[in-house]
C-alpha atoms as a PDB file:
ATOM      1  CA  MET A   1       0.000   0.000   0.000  1.00  0.00           C
ATOM      2  CA  PHE A   2       1.331   3.416  -0.916  1.00  0.00           C
ATOM      3  CA  ILE A   3      -0.182   6.823  -0.281  1.00  0.00           C
ATOM      4  CA  ARG A   4       0.746   9.683  -2.595  1.00  0.00           C
ATOM      5  CA  ILE A   5       0.791  13.210  -1.299  1.00  0.00           C
ATOM      6  CA  TRP A   6       2.960  14.845  -3.940  1.00  0.00           C
ATOM      7  CA  PRO A   7       3.091  13.809  -7.588  1.00  0.00           C
ATOM      8  CA  GLU A   8       6.876  13.538  -7.380  1.00  0.00           C
ATOM      9  CA  THR A   9       6.673  11.007  -4.518  1.00  0.00           C
ATOM     10  CA  LEU A  10       7.595   7.605  -5.873  1.00  0.00           C
ATOM     11  CA  PRO A  11       7.036   4.172  -4.343  1.00  0.00           C
ATOM     12  CA  GLY A  12       9.945   3.138  -2.182  1.00  0.00           C
ATOM     13  CA  GLU A  13      10.830   6.674  -1.154  1.00  0.00           C
ATOM     14  CA  ASN A  14      10.465   7.402   2.512  1.00  0.00           C
ATOM     15  CA  ALA A  15       8.731  10.715   1.922  1.00  0.00           C
ATOM     16  CA  PRO A  16       6.245  12.153   4.381  1.00  0.00           C
ATOM     17  CA  GLY A  17       2.942  10.412   3.989  1.00  0.00           C
ATOM     18  CA  SER A  18       4.454   7.311   2.429  1.00  0.00           C
ATOM     19  CA  VAL A  19       4.114   3.935   4.053  1.00  0.00           C
ATOM     20  CA  ASP A  20       7.303   2.494   5.456  1.00  0.00           C
ATOM     21  CA  PRO A  21       8.159  -1.223   5.064  1.00  0.00           C
ATOM     22  CA  CYS A  22       6.495  -1.970   8.424  1.00  0.00           C
ATOM     23  CA  GLY A  23       3.211  -0.573   7.112  1.00  0.00           C
ATOM     24  CA  GLU A  24       3.146   2.510   9.333  1.00  0.00           C
ATOM     25  CA  MET A  25       2.477   5.900   7.784  1.00  0.00           C
ATOM     26  CA  ASP A  26       4.514   8.862   8.941  1.00  0.00           C
ATOM     27  CA  VAL A  27       1.393  11.018   9.127  1.00  0.00           C
ATOM     28  CA  MET A  28       2.662  13.650  11.543  1.00  0.00           C
ATOM     29  CA  ALA A  29       5.751  14.364   9.462  1.00  0.00           C
ATOM     30  CA  GLY A  30       3.613  14.589   6.334  1.00  0.00           C
ATOM     31  CA  ILE A  31       1.217  17.020   7.978  1.00  0.00           C
ATOM     32  CA  GLU A  32       4.071  19.088   9.378  1.00  0.00           C
ATOM     33  CA  ASP A  33       5.816  19.330   6.002  1.00  0.00           C
ATOM     34  CA  LEU A  34       2.637  20.336   4.208  1.00  0.00           C
ATOM     35  CA  VAL A  35       1.661  22.944   6.803  1.00  0.00           C
ATOM     36  CA  LYS A  36       5.122  24.537   6.613  1.00  0.00           C
ATOM     37  CA  GLU A  37       4.443  25.294   2.947  1.00  0.00           C
ATOM     38  CA  LEU A  38       1.246  27.206   3.758  1.00  0.00           C
ATOM     39  CA  SER A  39       0.994  30.947   4.289  1.00  0.00           C
ATOM     40  CA  PRO A  40       0.506  32.034   7.934  1.00  0.00           C
ATOM     41  CA  GLU A  41      -3.163  32.721   7.213  1.00  0.00           C
ATOM     42  CA  HIS A  42      -3.686  29.225   5.834  1.00  0.00           C
ATOM     43  CA  GLN A  43      -1.715  27.735   8.732  1.00  0.00           C
ATOM     44  CA  ARG A  44      -4.205  29.349  11.144  1.00  0.00           C
ATOM     45  CA  GLU A  45      -7.042  27.943   9.047  1.00  0.00           C
ATOM     46  CA  ALA A  46      -5.463  24.482   9.226  1.00  0.00           C
ATOM     47  CA  LEU A  47      -5.173  24.837  12.999  1.00  0.00           C
ATOM     48  CA  ASP A  48      -8.849  25.810  13.221  1.00  0.00           C
ATOM     49  CA  PHE A  49      -9.758  22.776  11.134  1.00  0.00           C
ATOM     50  CA  VAL A  50      -7.783  20.435  13.385  1.00  0.00           C
ATOM     51  CA  ALA A  51      -9.533  21.947  16.434  1.00  0.00           C
ATOM     52  CA  TYR A  52     -12.874  21.318  14.698  1.00  0.00           C
ATOM     53  CA  LEU A  53     -11.927  17.688  14.050  1.00  0.00           C
ATOM     54  CA  LEU A  54     -11.052  17.247  17.731  1.00  0.00           C
ATOM     55  CA  GLN A  55     -14.424  18.664  18.791  1.00  0.00           C
ATOM     56  CA  LYS A  56     -16.169  16.381  16.317  1.00  0.00           C
ATOM     57  CA  GLN A  57     -14.266  13.378  17.676  1.00  0.00           C
ATOM     58  CA  LYS A  58     -15.186  14.258  21.274  1.00  0.00           C
ATOM     59  CA  ARG A  59     -18.874  14.554  20.351  1.00  0.00           C
ATOM     60  CA  LYS A  60     -18.801  11.058  18.885  1.00  0.00           C
ATOM     61  CA  GLN A  61     -17.153   9.728  22.047  1.00  0.00           C
ATOM     62  CA  ALA A  62     -19.807  11.238  24.324  1.00  0.00           C
ATOM     63  CA  LYS A  63     -21.838   8.707  26.244  1.00  0.00           C
ATOM     64  CA  PRO A  64     -25.403   8.232  25.083  1.00  0.00           C
ATOM     65  CA  LEU A  65     -28.092   9.964  27.103  1.00  0.00           C
ATOM     66  CA  ARG A  66     -29.408   7.689  29.807  1.00  0.00           C
ATOM     67  CA  GLN A  67     -33.130   7.859  30.423  1.00  0.00           C
ATOM     68  CA  THR A  68     -33.420   5.517  33.367  1.00  0.00           C
ATOM     69  CA  TRP A  69     -35.886   7.921  34.927  1.00  0.00           C
ATOM     70  CA  ALA A  70     -38.426   7.470  32.126  1.00  0.00           C
ATOM     71  CA  GLY A  71     -41.775   6.420  33.552  1.00  0.00           C
ATOM     72  CA  ALA A  72     -40.691   6.992  37.159  1.00  0.00           C
ATOM     73  CA  LEU A  73     -43.494   9.505  37.781  1.00  0.00           C
ATOM     74  CA  ARG A  74     -46.202   7.383  36.160  1.00  0.00           C
ATOM     75  CA  ARG A  75     -47.991   6.852  39.492  1.00  0.00           C
ATOM     76  CA  TYR A  76     -48.713  10.598  39.684  1.00  0.00           C
ATOM     77  CA  ARG A  77     -50.435  10.730  36.277  1.00  0.00           C
ATOM     78  CA  GLY A  78     -53.942  10.981  37.719  1.00  0.00           C
ATOM     79  CA  THR A  79     -52.958  13.229  40.634  1.00  0.00           C
ATOM     80  CA  TYR A  80     -51.187  16.117  38.887  1.00  0.00           C
ATOM     81  CA  THR A  81     -51.430  17.978  35.596  1.00  0.00           C
ATOM     82  CA  ALA A  82     -48.209  18.196  33.590  1.00  0.00           C
ATOM     83  CA  LEU A  83     -47.520  21.711  34.863  1.00  0.00           C
ATOM     84  CA  GLU A  84     -48.243  20.797  38.486  1.00  0.00           C
ATOM     85  CA  LEU A  85     -46.052  17.739  38.207  1.00  0.00           C
ATOM     86  CA  GLN A  86     -43.231  19.819  36.744  1.00  0.00           C
ATOM     87  CA  LYS A  87     -43.437  22.283  39.635  1.00  0.00           C
ATOM     88  CA  GLU A  88     -43.671  19.469  42.199  1.00  0.00           C
ATOM     89  CA  SER A  89     -40.685  17.641  40.704  1.00  0.00           C
ATOM     90  CA  LEU A  90     -38.629  20.831  40.951  1.00  0.00           C
ATOM     91  CA  SER A  91     -39.364  20.996  44.655  1.00  0.00           C
ATOM     92  CA  TRP A  92     -38.332  17.333  45.051  1.00  0.00           C
ATOM     93  CA  ARG A  93     -34.944  18.055  43.487  1.00  0.00           C
ATOM     94  CA  THR A  94     -34.190  21.006  45.779  1.00  0.00           C
ATOM     95  CA  GLU A  95     -35.033  19.183  49.012  1.00  0.00           C
END
């Protein structure tokens, strides 16, 4: 497997972004070399994009919302209206 970043990169060369004989890609070196070629404005844009990717990754890693409480107030259905139950539940949480 070989990944081309630059047209002049040939198989067998150990250029940034190429796959070494062990199968590992030198991604960080490839990114670093490419970013060095950018203007300062585009470097800031690249940094913003990397920060966005990190945020996106963290959102995917967030635990799913647990709703173990669902149905817990069912016994009060005939006693309270939705608004009364909301107010009552607020008082239960602050006690």
